[in-house]
């Protein structure tokens, strides 16, 4: 994993999970939770402008950004375009790290 992306993903994970701790399911009987009773930490929202757009800019410039040949029909600086295309973006985005980030963005409710 490239270092800036790894640092960004780590920072997002820590900031949204309370220093890396997951939420613990409460047992009505008062017993200590077993590992199977520990709820996974909530997934951090993936911001389009600060996380996804830079990936697309690095891989899809100059064609799909302002001034490019494909910008009028497929502007990659707009979240709606990316949601519409979904994983069809992966014809040009081959590395799994970028795909994972984009999949997380696509899994979020649209705005």
PDB file of N, CA and C in Angstrom:
ATOM      1  N   UNK A   1       0.860  -1.170   0.000  1.00  0.00           N
ATOM      2  CA  UNK A   1       0.000   0.000   0.000  1.00  0.00           C
ATOM      3  C   UNK A   1       0.902   1.228   0.000  1.00  0.00           C
ATOM      4  N   UNK A   2       0.535   2.222  -0.820  1.00  0.00           N
ATOM      5  CA  UNK A   2       1.377   3.417  -0.815  1.00  0.00           C
ATOM      6  C   UNK A   2       1.187   4.154   0.509  1.00  0.00           C
ATOM      7  N   UNK A   3       2.230   4.796   0.969  1.00  0.00           N
ATOM      8  CA  UNK A   3       2.264   5.375   2.313  1.00  0.00           C
ATOM      9  C   UNK A   3       1.184   6.432   2.558  1.00  0.00           C
ATOM     10  N   UNK A   4       0.960   7.406   1.639  1.00  0.00           N
ATOM     11  CA  UNK A   4      -0.085   8.402   1.919  1.00  0.00           C
ATOM     12  C   UNK A   4      -1.472   7.780   2.060  1.00  0.00           C
ATOM     13  N   UNK A   5      -1.802   6.800   1.206  1.00  0.00           N
ATOM     14  CA  UNK A   5      -3.108   6.168   1.296  1.00  0.00           C
ATOM     15  C   UNK A   5      -3.220   5.367   2.583  1.00  0.00           C
ATOM     16  N   UNK A   6      -2.151   4.666   2.969  1.00  0.00           N
ATOM     17  CA  UNK A   6      -2.165   3.886   4.210  1.00  0.00           C
ATOM     18  C   UNK A   6      -2.369   4.799   5.414  1.00  0.00           C
ATOM     19  N   UNK A   7      -1.682   5.941   5.435  1.00  0.00           N
ATOM     20  CA  UNK A   7      -1.826   6.877   6.543  1.00  0.00           C
ATOM     21  C   UNK A   7      -3.236   7.449   6.594  1.00  0.00           C
ATOM     22  N   UNK A   8      -3.797   7.777   5.437  1.00  0.00           N
ATOM     23  CA  UNK A   8      -5.144   8.318   5.375  1.00  0.00           C
ATOM     24  C   UNK A   8      -6.152   7.297   5.887  1.00  0.00           C
ATOM     25  N   UNK A   9      -6.047   6.055   5.430  1.00  0.00           N
ATOM     26  CA  UNK A   9      -6.984   5.029   5.864  1.00  0.00           C
ATOM     27  C   UNK A   9      -6.847   4.761   7.362  1.00  0.00           C
ATOM     28  N   UNK A  10      -5.633   4.762   7.876  1.00  0.00           N
ATOM     29  CA  UNK A  10      -5.423   4.557   9.309  1.00  0.00           C
ATOM     30  C   UNK A  10      -6.014   5.709  10.114  1.00  0.00           C
ATOM     31  N   UNK A  11      -5.826   6.932   9.648  1.00  0.00           N
ATOM     32  CA  UNK A  11      -6.358   8.097  10.355  1.00  0.00           C
ATOM     33  C   UNK A  11      -7.873   8.083  10.369  1.00  0.00           C
ATOM     34  N   UNK A  12      -8.473   7.712   9.261  1.00  0.00           N
ATOM     35  CA  UNK A  12      -9.929   7.649   9.193  1.00  0.00           C
ATOM     36  C   UNK A  12     -10.438   6.573  10.136  1.00  0.00           C
ATOM     37  N   UNK A  13      -9.791   5.425  10.165  1.00  0.00           N
ATOM     38  CA  UNK A  13     -10.220   4.337  11.036  1.00  0.00           C
ATOM     39  C   UNK A  13     -10.130   4.737  12.502  1.00  0.00           C
ATOM     40  N   UNK A  14      -9.055   5.368  12.898  1.00  0.00           N
ATOM     41  CA  UNK A  14      -8.884   5.765  14.296  1.00  0.00           C
ATOM     42  C   UNK A  14      -9.864   6.853  14.665  1.00  0.00           C
ATOM     43  N   UNK A  15     -10.066   7.827  13.804  1.00  0.00           N
ATOM     44  CA  UNK A  15     -10.934   8.952  14.146  1.00  0.00           C
ATOM     45  C   UNK A  15     -12.393   8.554  14.268  1.00  0.00           C
ATOM     46  N   UNK A  16     -12.805   7.496  13.617  1.00  0.00           N
ATOM     47  CA  UNK A  16     -14.211   7.120  13.653  1.00  0.00           C
ATOM     48  C   UNK A  16     -14.510   5.988  14.614  1.00  0.00           C
ATOM     49  N   UNK A  17     -13.497   5.330  15.139  1.00  0.00           N
ATOM     50  CA  UNK A  17     -13.776   4.196  16.005  1.00  0.00           C
ATOM     51  C   UNK A  17     -13.350   4.443  17.438  1.00  0.00           C
ATOM     52  N   UNK A  18     -12.993   5.671  17.786  1.00  0.00           N
ATOM     53  CA  UNK A  18     -12.620   5.951  19.155  1.00  0.00           C
ATOM     54  C   UNK A  18     -11.313   5.293  19.529  1.00  0.00           C
ATOM     55  N   UNK A  19     -10.248   5.652  18.843  1.00  0.00           N
ATOM     56  CA  UNK A  19      -8.907   5.125  19.100  1.00  0.00           C
ATOM     57  C   UNK A  19      -8.825   3.640  18.831  1.00  0.00           C
ATOM     58  N   UNK A  20      -9.580   3.170  17.867  1.00  0.00           N
ATOM     59  CA  UNK A  20      -9.453   1.787  17.455  1.00  0.00           C
ATOM     60  C   UNK A  20     -10.303   0.805  18.245  1.00  0.00           C
ATOM     61  N   UNK A  21     -11.120   1.260  19.159  1.00  0.00           N
ATOM     62  CA  UNK A  21     -11.934   0.333  19.928  1.00  0.00           C
ATOM     63  C   UNK A  21     -13.274   0.151  19.262  1.00  0.00           C
ATOM     64  N   UNK A  22     -13.740  -1.078  19.224  1.00  0.00           N
ATOM     65  CA  UNK A  22     -15.053  -1.363  18.680  1.00  0.00           C
ATOM     66  C   UNK A  22     -16.111  -1.157  19.753  1.00  0.00           C
ATOM     67  N   UNK A  23     -17.347  -1.147  19.355  1.00  0.00           N
ATOM     68  CA  UNK A  23     -18.423  -1.052  20.330  1.00  0.00           C
ATOM     69  C   UNK A  23     -18.691  -2.445  20.882  1.00  0.00           C
ATOM     70  N   UNK A  24     -18.986  -2.535  22.151  1.00  0.00           N
ATOM     71  CA  UNK A  24     -19.228  -3.827  22.780  1.00  0.00           C
ATOM     72  C   UNK A  24     -20.722  -4.002  22.977  1.00  0.00           C
ATOM     73  N   UNK A  25     -21.212  -5.156  22.548  1.00  0.00           N
ATOM     74  CA  UNK A  25     -22.620  -5.450  22.743  1.00  0.00           C
ATOM     75  C   UNK A  25     -22.871  -5.682  24.227  1.00  0.00           C
ATOM     76  N   UNK A  26     -23.968  -5.153  24.749  1.00  0.00           N
ATOM     77  CA  UNK A  26     -24.293  -5.297  26.160  1.00  0.00           C
ATOM     78  C   UNK A  26     -25.079  -6.577  26.342  1.00  0.00           C
ATOM     79  N   UNK A  27     -24.638  -7.397  27.299  1.00  0.00           N
ATOM     80  CA  UNK A  27     -25.312  -8.645  27.624  1.00  0.00           C
ATOM     81  C   UNK A  27     -26.312  -8.357  28.739  1.00  0.00           C
ATOM     82  N   UNK A  28     -27.603  -8.623  28.542  1.00  0.00           N
ATOM     83  CA  UNK A  28     -28.592  -8.317  29.566  1.00  0.00           C
ATOM     84  C   UNK A  28     -28.341  -9.059  30.882  1.00  0.00           C
ATOM     85  N   UNK A  29     -27.662 -10.199  30.839  1.00  0.00           N
ATOM     86  CA  UNK A  29     -27.380 -10.960  32.057  1.00  0.00           C
ATOM     87  C   UNK A  29     -26.163 -10.412  32.792  1.00  0.00           C
ATOM     88  N   UNK A  30     -25.471  -9.439  32.219  1.00  0.00           N
ATOM     89  CA  UNK A  30     -24.321  -8.827  32.860  1.00  0.00           C
ATOM     90  C   UNK A  30     -23.016  -9.594  32.698  1.00  0.00           C
ATOM     91  N   UNK A  31     -22.989 -10.594  31.848  1.00  0.00           N
ATOM     92  CA  UNK A  31     -21.765 -11.358  31.635  1.00  0.00           C
ATOM     93  C   UNK A  31     -20.805 -10.561  30.770  1.00  0.00           C
ATOM     94  N   UNK A  32     -19.538 -10.893  30.854  1.00  0.00           N
ATOM     95  CA  UNK A  32     -18.530 -10.267  30.006  1.00  0.00           C
ATOM     96  C   UNK A  32     -18.777 -10.710  28.567  1.00  0.00           C
ATOM     97  N   UNK A  33     -18.639  -9.801  27.619  1.00  0.00           N
ATOM     98  CA  UNK A  33     -18.865 -10.189  26.231  1.00  0.00           C
ATOM     99  C   UNK A  33     -17.753 -11.104  25.741  1.00  0.00           C
ATOM    100  N   UNK A  34     -18.155 -12.102  24.983  1.00  0.00           N
ATOM    101  CA  UNK A  34     -17.163 -12.959  24.346  1.00  0.00           C
ATOM    102  C   UNK A  34     -16.740 -12.279  23.055  1.00  0.00           C
ATOM    103  N   UNK A  35     -15.631 -12.712  22.449  1.00  0.00           N
ATOM    104  CA  UNK A  35     -15.210 -12.080  21.191  1.00  0.00           C
ATOM    105  C   UNK A  35     -16.307 -12.076  20.132  1.00  0.00           C
ATOM    106  N   UNK A  36     -17.178 -13.081  20.145  1.00  0.00           N
ATOM    107  CA  UNK A  36     -18.244 -13.107  19.149  1.00  0.00           C
ATOM    108  C   UNK A  36     -19.331 -12.074  19.441  1.00  0.00           C
ATOM    109  N   UNK A  37     -19.322 -11.505  20.665  1.00  0.00           N
ATOM    110  CA  UNK A  37     -20.323 -10.506  21.031  1.00  0.00           C
ATOM    111  C   UNK A  37     -19.822  -9.080  20.853  1.00  0.00           C
ATOM    112  N   UNK A  38     -18.609  -8.902  20.392  1.00  0.00           N
ATOM    113  CA  UNK A  38     -18.070  -7.569  20.177  1.00  0.00           C
ATOM    114  C   UNK A  38     -18.483  -7.111  18.788  1.00  0.00           C
ATOM    115  N   UNK A  39     -19.189  -5.995  18.749  1.00  0.00           N
ATOM    116  CA  UNK A  39     -19.647  -5.468  17.468  1.00  0.00           C
ATOM    117  C   UNK A  39     -18.466  -4.858  16.718  1.00  0.00           C
ATOM    118  N   UNK A  40     -18.428  -5.009  15.391  1.00  0.00           N
ATOM    119  CA  UNK A  40     -17.341  -4.398  14.628  1.00  0.00           C
ATOM    120  C   UNK A  40     -17.448  -2.879  14.675  1.00  0.00           C
ATOM    121  N   UNK A  41     -16.321  -2.188  14.557  1.00  0.00           N
ATOM    122  CA  UNK A  41     -16.376  -0.726  14.551  1.00  0.00           C
ATOM    123  C   UNK A  41     -17.143  -0.229  13.327  1.00  0.00           C
ATOM    124  N   UNK A  42     -17.775   0.910  13.485  1.00  0.00           N
ATOM    125  CA  UNK A  42     -18.516   1.503  12.373  1.00  0.00           C
ATOM    126  C   UNK A  42     -17.543   1.906  11.266  1.00  0.00           C
ATOM    127  N   UNK A  43     -17.945   1.693  10.041  1.00  0.00           N
ATOM    128  CA  UNK A  43     -17.101   2.074   8.908  1.00  0.00           C
ATOM    129  C   UNK A  43     -17.091   3.598   8.776  1.00  0.00           C
ATOM    130  N   UNK A  44     -15.926   4.124   8.496  1.00  0.00           N
ATOM    131  CA  UNK A  44     -15.779   5.568   8.326  1.00  0.00           C
ATOM    132  C   UNK A  44     -16.340   5.972   6.972  1.00  0.00           C
ATOM    133  N   UNK A  45     -17.045   7.095   6.918  1.00  0.00           N
ATOM    134  CA  UNK A  45     -17.509   7.559   5.616  1.00  0.00           C
ATOM    135  C   UNK A  45     -16.321   7.949   4.739  1.00  0.00           C
ATOM    136  N   UNK A  46     -16.423   7.656   3.466  1.00  0.00           N
ATOM    137  CA  UNK A  46     -15.360   7.992   2.515  1.00  0.00           C
ATOM    138  C   UNK A  46     -15.773   9.267   1.802  1.00  0.00           C
ATOM    139  N   UNK A  47     -15.013  10.328   2.009  1.00  0.00           N
ATOM    140  CA  UNK A  47     -15.311  11.620   1.409  1.00  0.00           C
ATOM    141  C   UNK A  47     -14.859  11.635  -0.049  1.00  0.00           C
ATOM    142  N   UNK A  48     -15.756  12.020  -0.942  1.00  0.00           N
ATOM    143  CA  UNK A  48     -15.425  12.024  -2.364  1.00  0.00           C
ATOM    144  C   UNK A  48     -14.293  12.993  -2.676  1.00  0.00           C
ATOM    145  N   UNK A  49     -14.422  14.247  -2.230  1.00  0.00           N
ATOM    146  CA  UNK A  49     -13.447  15.271  -2.621  1.00  0.00           C
ATOM    147  C   UNK A  49     -12.049  15.024  -2.085  1.00  0.00           C
ATOM    148  N   UNK A  50     -11.937  14.532  -0.869  1.00  0.00           N
ATOM    149  CA  UNK A  50     -10.598  14.379  -0.284  1.00  0.00           C
ATOM    150  C   UNK A  50      -9.989  12.994  -0.467  1.00  0.00           C
ATOM    151  N   UNK A  51     -10.807  11.978  -0.769  1.00  0.00           N
ATOM    152  CA  UNK A  51     -10.271  10.623  -0.871  1.00  0.00           C
ATOM    153  C   UNK A  51     -10.419  10.043  -2.283  1.00  0.00           C
ATOM    154  N   UNK A  52     -11.620  10.052  -2.824  1.00  0.00           N
ATOM    155  CA  UNK A  52     -11.873   9.402  -4.122  1.00  0.00           C
ATOM    156  C   UNK A  52     -11.387  10.253  -5.285  1.00  0.00           C
ATOM    157  N   UNK A  53     -11.719  11.523  -5.274  1.00  0.00           N
ATOM    158  CA  UNK A  53     -11.350  12.393  -6.390  1.00  0.00           C
ATOM    159  C   UNK A  53      -9.844  12.390  -6.679  1.00  0.00           C
ATOM    160  N   UNK A  54      -8.962  12.450  -5.646  1.00  0.00           N
ATOM    161  CA  UNK A  54      -7.527  12.404  -5.949  1.00  0.00           C
ATOM    162  C   UNK A  54      -7.091  11.101  -6.640  1.00  0.00           C
ATOM    163  N   UNK A  55      -7.723   9.986  -6.303  1.00  0.00           N
ATOM    164  CA  UNK A  55      -7.408   8.718  -6.979  1.00  0.00           C
ATOM    165  C   UNK A  55      -7.779   8.826  -8.449  1.00  0.00           C
ATOM    166  N   UNK A  56      -8.979   9.311  -8.711  1.00  0.00           N
ATOM    167  CA  UNK A  56      -9.438   9.440 -10.094  1.00  0.00           C
ATOM    168  C   UNK A  56      -8.609  10.455 -10.864  1.00  0.00           C
ATOM    169  N   UNK A  57      -8.252  11.540 -10.203  1.00  0.00           N
ATOM    170  CA  UNK A  57      -7.447  12.568 -10.851  1.00  0.00           C
ATOM    171  C   UNK A  57      -6.097  11.995 -11.281  1.00  0.00           C
ATOM    172  N   UNK A  58      -5.499  11.192 -10.427  1.00  0.00           N
ATOM    173  CA  UNK A  58      -4.192  10.607 -10.731  1.00  0.00           C
ATOM    174  C   UNK A  58      -4.263   9.579 -11.856  1.00  0.00           C
ATOM    175  N   UNK A  59      -5.378   8.878 -11.968  1.00  0.00           N
ATOM    176  CA  UNK A  59      -5.469   7.781 -12.930  1.00  0.00           C
ATOM    177  C   UNK A  59      -6.238   8.122 -14.201  1.00  0.00           C
ATOM    178  N   UNK A  60      -7.068   9.145 -14.156  1.00  0.00           N
ATOM    179  CA  UNK A  60      -7.974   9.416 -15.276  1.00  0.00           C
ATOM    180  C   UNK A  60      -7.790  10.802 -15.888  1.00  0.00           C
ATOM    181  N   UNK A  61      -6.757  11.484 -15.487  1.00  0.00           N
ATOM    182  CA  UNK A  61      -6.440  12.799 -16.032  1.00  0.00           C
ATOM    183  C   UNK A  61      -5.662  12.595 -17.315  1.00  0.00           C
ATOM    184  N   UNK A  62      -5.824  13.285 -18.343  1.00  0.00           N
ATOM    185  CA  UNK A  62      -6.611  14.489 -18.530  1.00  0.00           C
ATOM    186  C   UNK A  62      -7.986  14.250 -19.132  1.00  0.00           C
ATOM    187  N   UNK A  63      -8.304  13.049 -19.549  1.00  0.00           N
ATOM    188  CA  UNK A  63      -9.532  12.814 -20.318  1.00  0.00           C
ATOM    189  C   UNK A  63     -10.832  13.129 -19.580  1.00  0.00           C
ATOM    190  N   UNK A  64     -10.938  12.711 -18.301  1.00  0.00           N
ATOM    191  CA  UNK A  64     -12.210  12.817 -17.594  1.00  0.00           C
ATOM    192  C   UNK A  64     -12.290  13.994 -16.632  1.00  0.00           C
ATOM    193  N   UNK A  65     -11.381  14.934 -16.748  1.00  0.00           N
ATOM    194  CA  UNK A  65     -11.435  16.146 -15.931  1.00  0.00           C
ATOM    195  C   UNK A  65     -11.522  17.351 -16.850  1.00  0.00           C
ATOM    196  N   UNK A  66     -11.885  18.492 -16.297  1.00  0.00           N
ATOM    197  CA  UNK A  66     -12.150  19.689 -17.081  1.00  0.00           C
ATOM    198  C   UNK A  66     -11.101  19.906 -18.169  1.00  0.00           C
ATOM    199  N   UNK A  67     -11.599  20.076 -19.391  1.00  0.00           N
ATOM    200  CA  UNK A  67     -10.734  20.286 -20.543  1.00  0.00           C
ATOM    201  C   UNK A  67     -10.434  19.013 -21.315  1.00  0.00           C
ATOM    202  N   UNK A  68     -10.763  17.861 -20.737  1.00  0.00           N
ATOM    203  CA  UNK A  68     -10.483  16.586 -21.393  1.00  0.00           C
ATOM    204  C   UNK A  68     -11.545  16.195 -22.399  1.00  0.00           C
ATOM    205  N   UNK A  69     -11.185  15.286 -23.285  1.00  0.00           N
ATOM    206  CA  UNK A  69     -12.095  14.844 -24.347  1.00  0.00           C
ATOM    207  C   UNK A  69     -13.367  14.178 -23.820  1.00  0.00           C
ATOM    208  N   UNK A  70     -13.275  13.481 -22.710  1.00  0.00           N
ATOM    209  CA  UNK A  70     -14.413  12.736 -22.179  1.00  0.00           C
ATOM    210  C   UNK A  70     -15.172  13.492 -21.079  1.00  0.00           C
ATOM    211  N   UNK A  71     -14.714  14.682 -20.735  1.00  0.00           N
ATOM    212  CA  UNK A  71     -15.295  15.397 -19.602  1.00  0.00           C
ATOM    213  C   UNK A  71     -16.781  15.700 -19.796  1.00  0.00           C
ATOM    214  N   UNK A  72     -17.182  16.094 -20.985  1.00  0.00           N
ATOM    215  CA  UNK A  72     -18.580  16.473 -21.211  1.00  0.00           C
ATOM    216  C   UNK A  72     -19.536  15.303 -20.956  1.00  0.00           C
ATOM    217  N   UNK A  73     -19.149  14.097 -21.331  1.00  0.00           N
ATOM    218  CA  UNK A  73     -20.041  12.952 -21.167  1.00  0.00           C
ATOM    219  C   UNK A  73     -19.790  12.163 -19.881  1.00  0.00           C
ATOM    220  N   UNK A  74     -18.555  12.171 -19.381  1.00  0.00           N
ATOM    221  CA  UNK A  74     -18.216  11.424 -18.164  1.00  0.00           C
ATOM    222  C   UNK A  74     -17.287  12.248 -17.269  1.00  0.00           C
ATOM    223  N   UNK A  75     -17.838  13.237 -16.563  1.00  0.00           N
ATOM    224  CA  UNK A  75     -17.000  14.056 -15.685  1.00  0.00           C
ATOM    225  C   UNK A  75     -16.703  13.335 -14.373  1.00  0.00           C
ATOM    226  N   UNK A  76     -15.446  13.003 -14.157  1.00  0.00           N
ATOM    227  CA  UNK A  76     -15.062  12.239 -12.971  1.00  0.00           C
ATOM    228  C   UNK A  76     -14.853  13.120 -11.744  1.00  0.00           C
ATOM    229  N   UNK A  77     -15.110  14.402 -11.848  1.00  0.00           N
ATOM    230  CA  UNK A  77     -15.007  15.266 -10.675  1.00  0.00           C
ATOM    231  C   UNK A  77     -16.360  15.411  -9.982  1.00  0.00           C
ATOM    232  N   UNK A  78     -17.319  14.582 -10.375  1.00  0.00           N
ATOM    233  CA  UNK A  78     -18.668  14.626  -9.803  1.00  0.00           C
ATOM    234  C   UNK A  78     -19.027  13.269  -9.209  1.00  0.00           C
ATOM    235  N   UNK A  79     -19.417  13.241  -7.938  1.00  0.00           N
ATOM    236  CA  UNK A  79     -19.748  11.969  -7.296  1.00  0.00           C
ATOM    237  C   UNK A  79     -20.861  11.203  -8.013  1.00  0.00           C
ATOM    238  N   UNK A  80     -21.824  11.916  -8.589  1.00  0.00           N
ATOM    239  CA  UNK A  80     -22.927  11.249  -9.283  1.00  0.00           C
ATOM    240  C   UNK A  80     -22.462  10.405 -10.449  1.00  0.00           C
ATOM    241  N   UNK A  81     -21.476  10.895 -11.173  1.00  0.00           N
ATOM    242  CA  UNK A  81     -20.930  10.133 -12.303  1.00  0.00           C
ATOM    243  C   UNK A  81     -20.310   8.833 -11.801  1.00  0.00           C
ATOM    244  N   UNK A  82     -19.572   8.918 -10.705  1.00  0.00           N
ATOM    245  CA  UNK A  82     -18.889   7.748 -10.164  1.00  0.00           C
ATOM    246  C   UNK A  82     -19.906   6.745  -9.633  1.00  0.00           C
ATOM    247  N   UNK A  83     -20.960   7.222  -8.978  1.00  0.00           N
ATOM    248  CA  UNK A  83     -22.000   6.309  -8.492  1.00  0.00           C
ATOM    249  C   UNK A  83     -22.703   5.621  -9.658  1.00  0.00           C
ATOM    250  N   UNK A  84     -22.938   6.351 -10.737  1.00  0.00           N
ATOM    251  CA  UNK A  84     -23.596   5.772 -11.905  1.00  0.00           C
ATOM    252  C   UNK A  84     -22.723   4.703 -12.557  1.00  0.00           C
ATOM    253  N   UNK A  85     -21.447   4.979 -12.689  1.00  0.00           N
ATOM    254  CA  UNK A  85     -20.537   4.019 -13.325  1.00  0.00           C
ATOM    255  C   UNK A  85     -20.236   2.817 -12.440  1.00  0.00           C
ATOM    256  N   UNK A  86     -20.157   3.038 -11.143  1.00  0.00           N
ATOM    257  CA  UNK A  86     -19.855   1.943 -10.227  1.00  0.00           C
ATOM    258  C   UNK A  86     -18.517   1.291 -10.548  1.00  0.00           C
ATOM    259  N   UNK A  87     -18.481  -0.017 -10.519  1.00  0.00           N
ATOM    260  CA  UNK A  87     -17.230  -0.743 -10.725  1.00  0.00           C
ATOM    261  C   UNK A  87     -16.777  -0.764 -12.184  1.00  0.00           C
ATOM    262  N   UNK A  88     -17.538  -0.184 -13.072  1.00  0.00           N
ATOM    263  CA  UNK A  88     -17.075  -0.052 -14.460  1.00  0.00           C
ATOM    264  C   UNK A  88     -15.818   0.813 -14.533  1.00  0.00           C
ATOM    265  N   UNK A  89     -15.587   1.604 -13.477  1.00  0.00           N
ATOM    266  CA  UNK A  89     -14.365   2.414 -13.395  1.00  0.00           C
ATOM    267  C   UNK A  89     -13.119   1.543 -13.383  1.00  0.00           C
ATOM    268  N   UNK A  90     -13.259   0.305 -12.951  1.00  0.00           N
ATOM    269  CA  UNK A  90     -12.104  -0.540 -12.726  1.00  0.00           C
ATOM    270  C   UNK A  90     -11.439  -1.029 -14.014  1.00  0.00           C
ATOM    271  N   UNK A  91     -11.967  -0.639 -15.165  1.00  0.00           N
ATOM    272  CA  UNK A  91     -11.266  -0.972 -16.410  1.00  0.00           C
ATOM    273  C   UNK A  91      -9.931  -0.245 -16.471  1.00  0.00           C
ATOM    274  N   UNK A  92      -9.840   0.904 -15.830  1.00  0.00           N
ATOM    275  CA  UNK A  92      -8.591   1.682 -15.811  1.00  0.00           C
ATOM    276  C   UNK A  92      -7.921   1.684 -14.439  1.00  0.00           C
ATOM    277  N   UNK A  93      -8.676   1.430 -13.402  1.00  0.00           N
ATOM    278  CA  UNK A  93      -8.118   1.439 -12.048  1.00  0.00           C
ATOM    279  C   UNK A  93      -7.864  -0.010 -11.648  1.00  0.00           C
ATOM    280  N   UNK A  94      -6.612  -0.405 -11.694  1.00  0.00           N
ATOM    281  CA  UNK A  94      -6.247  -1.803 -11.494  1.00  0.00           C
ATOM    282  C   UNK A  94      -5.802  -2.139 -10.082  1.00  0.00           C
ATOM    283  N   UNK A  95      -5.233  -1.170  -9.346  1.00  0.00           N
ATOM    284  CA  UNK A  95      -4.690  -1.529  -8.036  1.00  0.00           C
ATOM    285  C   UNK A  95      -5.816  -1.715  -7.020  1.00  0.00           C
ATOM    286  N   UNK A  96      -5.681  -2.761  -6.226  1.00  0.00           N
ATOM    287  CA  UNK A  96      -6.735  -3.153  -5.298  1.00  0.00           C
ATOM    288  C   UNK A  96      -6.962  -2.128  -4.189  1.00  0.00           C
ATOM    289  N   UNK A  97      -5.940  -1.390  -3.793  1.00  0.00           N
ATOM    290  CA  UNK A  97      -6.114  -0.368  -2.754  1.00  0.00           C
ATOM    291  C   UNK A  97      -7.101   0.704  -3.206  1.00  0.00           C
ATOM    292  N   UNK A  98      -6.908   1.189  -4.423  1.00  0.00           N
ATOM    293  CA  UNK A  98      -7.821   2.208  -4.954  1.00  0.00           C
ATOM    294  C   UNK A  98      -9.217   1.633  -5.138  1.00  0.00           C
ATOM    295  N   UNK A  99      -9.294   0.405  -5.602  1.00  0.00           N
ATOM    296  CA  UNK A  99     -10.597  -0.232  -5.786  1.00  0.00           C
ATOM    297  C   UNK A  99     -11.333  -0.365  -4.452  1.00  0.00           C
ATOM    298  N   UNK A 100     -10.609  -0.715  -3.402  1.00  0.00           N
ATOM    299  CA  UNK A 100     -11.215  -0.866  -2.077  1.00  0.00           C
ATOM    300  C   UNK A 100     -11.807   0.458  -1.594  1.00  0.00           C
ATOM    301  N   UNK A 101     -11.071   1.544  -1.789  1.00  0.00           N
ATOM    302  CA  UNK A 101     -11.552   2.864  -1.381  1.00  0.00           C
ATOM    303  C   UNK A 101     -12.794   3.241  -2.184  1.00  0.00           C
ATOM    304  N   UNK A 102     -12.763   3.018  -3.479  1.00  0.00           N
ATOM    305  CA  UNK A 102     -13.910   3.358  -4.333  1.00  0.00           C
ATOM    306  C   UNK A 102     -15.115   2.491  -3.982  1.00  0.00           C
ATOM    307  N   UNK A 103     -14.892   1.205  -3.720  1.00  0.00           N
ATOM    308  CA  UNK A 103     -15.999   0.331  -3.306  1.00  0.00           C
ATOM    309  C   UNK A 103     -16.640   0.840  -2.010  1.00  0.00           C
ATOM    310  N   UNK A 104     -15.802   1.287  -1.071  1.00  0.00           N
ATOM    311  CA  UNK A 104     -16.350   1.818   0.186  1.00  0.00           C
ATOM    312  C   UNK A 104     -17.188   3.065  -0.075  1.00  0.00           C
ATOM    313  N   UNK A 105     -16.733   3.928  -0.974  1.00  0.00           N
ATOM    314  CA  UNK A 105     -17.509   5.113  -1.346  1.00  0.00           C
ATOM    315  C   UNK A 105     -18.835   4.697  -1.982  1.00  0.00           C
ATOM    316  N   UNK A 106     -18.800   3.737  -2.888  1.00  0.00           N
ATOM    317  CA  UNK A 106     -20.004   3.305  -3.584  1.00  0.00           C
ATOM    318  C   UNK A 106     -21.008   2.624  -2.639  1.00  0.00           C
ATOM    319  N   UNK A 107     -20.506   2.024  -1.575  1.00  0.00           N
ATOM    320  CA  UNK A 107     -21.392   1.346  -0.626  1.00  0.00           C
ATOM    321  C   UNK A 107     -22.145   2.291   0.289  1.00  0.00           C
ATOM    322  N   UNK A 108     -21.709   3.531   0.342  1.00  0.00           N
ATOM    323  CA  UNK A 108     -22.376   4.535   1.181  1.00  0.00           C
ATOM    324  C   UNK A 108     -23.683   4.980   0.529  1.00  0.00           C
ATOM    325  N   UNK A 109     -24.621   5.401   1.355  1.00  0.00           N
ATOM    326  CA  UNK A 109     -25.842   5.969   0.775  1.00  0.00           C
ATOM    327  C   UNK A 109     -25.503   7.206  -0.055  1.00  0.00           C
ATOM    328  N   UNK A 110     -26.113   7.353  -1.200  1.00  0.00           N
ATOM    329  CA  UNK A 110     -25.867   8.504  -2.073  1.00  0.00           C
ATOM    330  C   UNK A 110     -26.414   9.778  -1.483  1.00  0.00           C
ATOM    331  N   UNK A 111     -25.832  10.881  -1.941  1.00  0.00           N
ATOM    332  CA  UNK A 111     -26.338  12.161  -1.446  1.00  0.00           C
ATOM    333  C   UNK A 111     -26.914  12.971  -2.569  1.00  0.00           C
TER     334      UNK A 111
END
